[in-house]
Amino acid sequence: MKVGNQKNIEKKLNNEFLVIHSLFMAGTIKKMSFLKEQSPTSIAKFLGLQYNSYVDKLHYPEKFHVKRIYMLAKTCDLDPQVNFDVNGKEVKG
């Protein structure tokens, strides 16, 4: 994905990522699959994934690549450890 396109997508998704940030910080997100309700098509595109691949990873978080978890966290202005904690608990659980 070109840098210019990435910036435009980031700008468009700013509100969605703000919502995700708030949900993580409030402790509402206990499972990655909860993110399916938060603009999944747009977020999948931002992460460079096809929709079905993104949804599959939400249901099977062990399939998430560290790079994409980190990318989502940074874009949502979260400490990546927050995402890793949710992902890790779900994989272990």
C-alpha atoms as a PDB file:
ATOM      1  CA  MET A   1       0.000   0.000   0.000  1.00  0.00           C
ATOM      2  CA  LYS A   2       1.350   3.435  -0.869  1.00  0.00           C
ATOM      3  CA  VAL A   3       2.187   5.840   1.941  1.00  0.00           C
ATOM      4  CA  GLY A   4      -0.301   8.445   0.638  1.00  0.00           C
ATOM      5  CA  ASN A   5      -3.119   5.906   0.569  1.00  0.00           C
ATOM      6  CA  GLN A   6      -2.193   4.747   4.069  1.00  0.00           C
ATOM      7  CA  LYS A   7      -2.426   8.318   5.395  1.00  0.00           C
ATOM      8  CA  ASN A   8      -5.863   8.831   3.779  1.00  0.00           C
ATOM      9  CA  ILE A   9      -7.159   5.607   5.269  1.00  0.00           C
ATOM     10  CA  GLU A  10      -5.758   6.565   8.694  1.00  0.00           C
ATOM     11  CA  LYS A  11      -7.538   9.906   8.519  1.00  0.00           C
ATOM     12  CA  LYS A  12     -10.840   8.288   7.518  1.00  0.00           C
ATOM     13  CA  LEU A  13     -10.571   5.690  10.257  1.00  0.00           C
ATOM     14  CA  ASN A  14      -9.614   8.152  12.975  1.00  0.00           C
ATOM     15  CA  ASN A  15     -13.061   7.970  14.599  1.00  0.00           C
ATOM     16  CA  GLU A  16     -13.204   4.180  14.399  1.00  0.00           C
ATOM     17  CA  PHE A  17      -9.773   3.908  16.007  1.00  0.00           C
ATOM     18  CA  LEU A  18     -10.791   6.370  18.707  1.00  0.00           C
ATOM     19  CA  VAL A  19     -13.750   4.116  19.525  1.00  0.00           C
ATOM     20  CA  ILE A  20     -11.457   1.065  19.630  1.00  0.00           C
ATOM     21  CA  HIS A  21      -9.045   2.955  21.890  1.00  0.00           C
ATOM     22  CA  SER A  22     -11.884   3.797  24.262  1.00  0.00           C
ATOM     23  CA  LEU A  23     -13.176   0.227  24.301  1.00  0.00           C
ATOM     24  CA  PHE A  24      -9.736  -1.204  25.101  1.00  0.00           C
ATOM     25  CA  MET A  25      -9.085   1.386  27.796  1.00  0.00           C
ATOM     26  CA  ALA A  26     -12.483   0.757  29.408  1.00  0.00           C
ATOM     27  CA  GLY A  27     -11.745  -2.973  29.481  1.00  0.00           C
ATOM     28  CA  THR A  28     -14.749  -3.683  27.277  1.00  0.00           C
ATOM     29  CA  ILE A  29     -12.756  -5.712  24.755  1.00  0.00           C
ATOM     30  CA  LYS A  30     -12.110  -9.099  26.313  1.00  0.00           C
ATOM     31  CA  LYS A  31     -11.767 -10.974  23.022  1.00  0.00           C
ATOM     32  CA  MET A  32     -10.357  -9.905  19.686  1.00  0.00           C
ATOM     33  CA  SER A  33     -13.572 -11.111  18.014  1.00  0.00           C
ATOM     34  CA  PHE A  34     -15.359  -8.128  19.606  1.00  0.00           C
ATOM     35  CA  LEU A  35     -13.544  -5.956  17.046  1.00  0.00           C
ATOM     36  CA  LYS A  36     -15.659  -7.523  14.304  1.00  0.00           C
ATOM     37  CA  GLU A  37     -18.360  -4.998  15.197  1.00  0.00           C
ATOM     38  CA  GLN A  38     -15.990  -2.016  14.765  1.00  0.00           C
ATOM     39  CA  SER A  39     -15.727  -1.188  11.016  1.00  0.00           C
ATOM     40  CA  PRO A  40     -14.191  -4.552  10.082  1.00  0.00           C
ATOM     41  CA  THR A  41     -13.915  -3.901   6.342  1.00  0.00           C
ATOM     42  CA  SER A  42     -12.114  -0.597   6.764  1.00  0.00           C
ATOM     43  CA  ILE A  43      -9.816  -1.857   9.496  1.00  0.00           C
ATOM     44  CA  ALA A  44      -8.985  -4.997   7.492  1.00  0.00           C
ATOM     45  CA  LYS A  45      -8.046  -2.816   4.545  1.00  0.00           C
ATOM     46  CA  PHE A  46      -5.939  -0.568   6.756  1.00  0.00           C
ATOM     47  CA  LEU A  47      -4.082  -3.596   8.130  1.00  0.00           C
ATOM     48  CA  GLY A  48      -3.522  -4.883   4.597  1.00  0.00           C
ATOM     49  CA  LEU A  49      -5.785  -7.899   5.035  1.00  0.00           C
ATOM     50  CA  GLN A  50      -8.733  -9.239   3.115  1.00  0.00           C
ATOM     51  CA  TYR A  51     -12.011  -9.015   5.045  1.00  0.00           C
ATOM     52  CA  ASN A  52     -12.362 -12.801   5.495  1.00  0.00           C
ATOM     53  CA  SER A  53      -8.748 -13.134   6.617  1.00  0.00           C
ATOM     54  CA  TYR A  54      -9.228 -10.357   9.192  1.00  0.00           C
ATOM     55  CA  VAL A  55     -12.422 -11.910  10.562  1.00  0.00           C
ATOM     56  CA  ASP A  56     -10.725 -15.317  10.718  1.00  0.00           C
ATOM     57  CA  LYS A  57      -7.870 -13.807  12.739  1.00  0.00           C
ATOM     58  CA  LEU A  58     -10.364 -12.146  15.093  1.00  0.00           C
ATOM     59  CA  HIS A  59     -11.896 -15.547  15.832  1.00  0.00           C
ATOM     60  CA  TYR A  60      -8.500 -17.308  15.947  1.00  0.00           C
ATOM     61  CA  PRO A  61      -6.200 -14.618  17.406  1.00  0.00           C
ATOM     62  CA  GLU A  62      -3.176 -16.911  17.377  1.00  0.00           C
ATOM     63  CA  LYS A  63      -3.162 -16.304  13.602  1.00  0.00           C
ATOM     64  CA  PHE A  64      -2.523 -12.566  14.069  1.00  0.00           C
ATOM     65  CA  HIS A  65       0.983 -11.541  13.104  1.00  0.00           C
ATOM     66  CA  VAL A  66       2.736  -9.454  15.758  1.00  0.00           C
ATOM     67  CA  LYS A  67       3.227  -6.691  13.192  1.00  0.00           C
ATOM     68  CA  ARG A  68      -0.529  -6.273  12.714  1.00  0.00           C
ATOM     69  CA  ILE A  69      -1.307  -6.304  16.424  1.00  0.00           C
ATOM     70  CA  TYR A  70       1.362  -3.662  16.933  1.00  0.00           C
ATOM     71  CA  MET A  71       0.074  -1.614  13.958  1.00  0.00           C
ATOM     72  CA  LEU A  72      -3.493  -1.650  15.282  1.00  0.00           C
ATOM     73  CA  ALA A  73      -2.331  -0.662  18.761  1.00  0.00           C
ATOM     74  CA  LYS A  74      -0.212   2.238  17.571  1.00  0.00           C
ATOM     75  CA  THR A  75      -2.952   3.521  15.268  1.00  0.00           C
ATOM     76  CA  CYS A  76      -5.426   3.366  18.167  1.00  0.00           C
ATOM     77  CA  ASP A  77      -2.915   5.220  20.350  1.00  0.00           C
ATOM     78  CA  LEU A  78      -2.624   2.255  22.699  1.00  0.00           C
ATOM     79  CA  ASP A  79       0.326   0.626  24.362  1.00  0.00           C
ATOM     80  CA  PRO A  80       0.800  -2.492  22.190  1.00  0.00           C
ATOM     81  CA  GLN A  81       0.957  -4.547  25.388  1.00  0.00           C
ATOM     82  CA  VAL A  82      -2.787  -3.913  25.858  1.00  0.00           C
ATOM     83  CA  ASN A  83      -3.506  -5.648  22.529  1.00  0.00           C
ATOM     84  CA  PHE A  84      -1.011  -8.410  23.249  1.00  0.00           C
ATOM     85  CA  ASP A  85      -2.619  -9.017  26.664  1.00  0.00           C
ATOM     86  CA  VAL A  86      -6.114  -9.430  25.178  1.00  0.00           C
ATOM     87  CA  ASN A  87      -4.783 -11.582  22.373  1.00  0.00           C
ATOM     88  CA  GLY A  88      -2.658 -13.685  24.740  1.00  0.00           C
ATOM     89  CA  LYS A  89      -5.455 -14.316  27.229  1.00  0.00           C
ATOM     90  CA  GLU A  90      -7.721 -15.477  24.442  1.00  0.00           C
ATOM     91  CA  VAL A  91      -5.107 -17.781  22.919  1.00  0.00           C
ATOM     92  CA  LYS A  92      -4.267 -19.307  26.306  1.00  0.00           C
ATOM     93  CA  GLY A  93      -7.901 -19.454  27.434  1.00  0.00           C
END
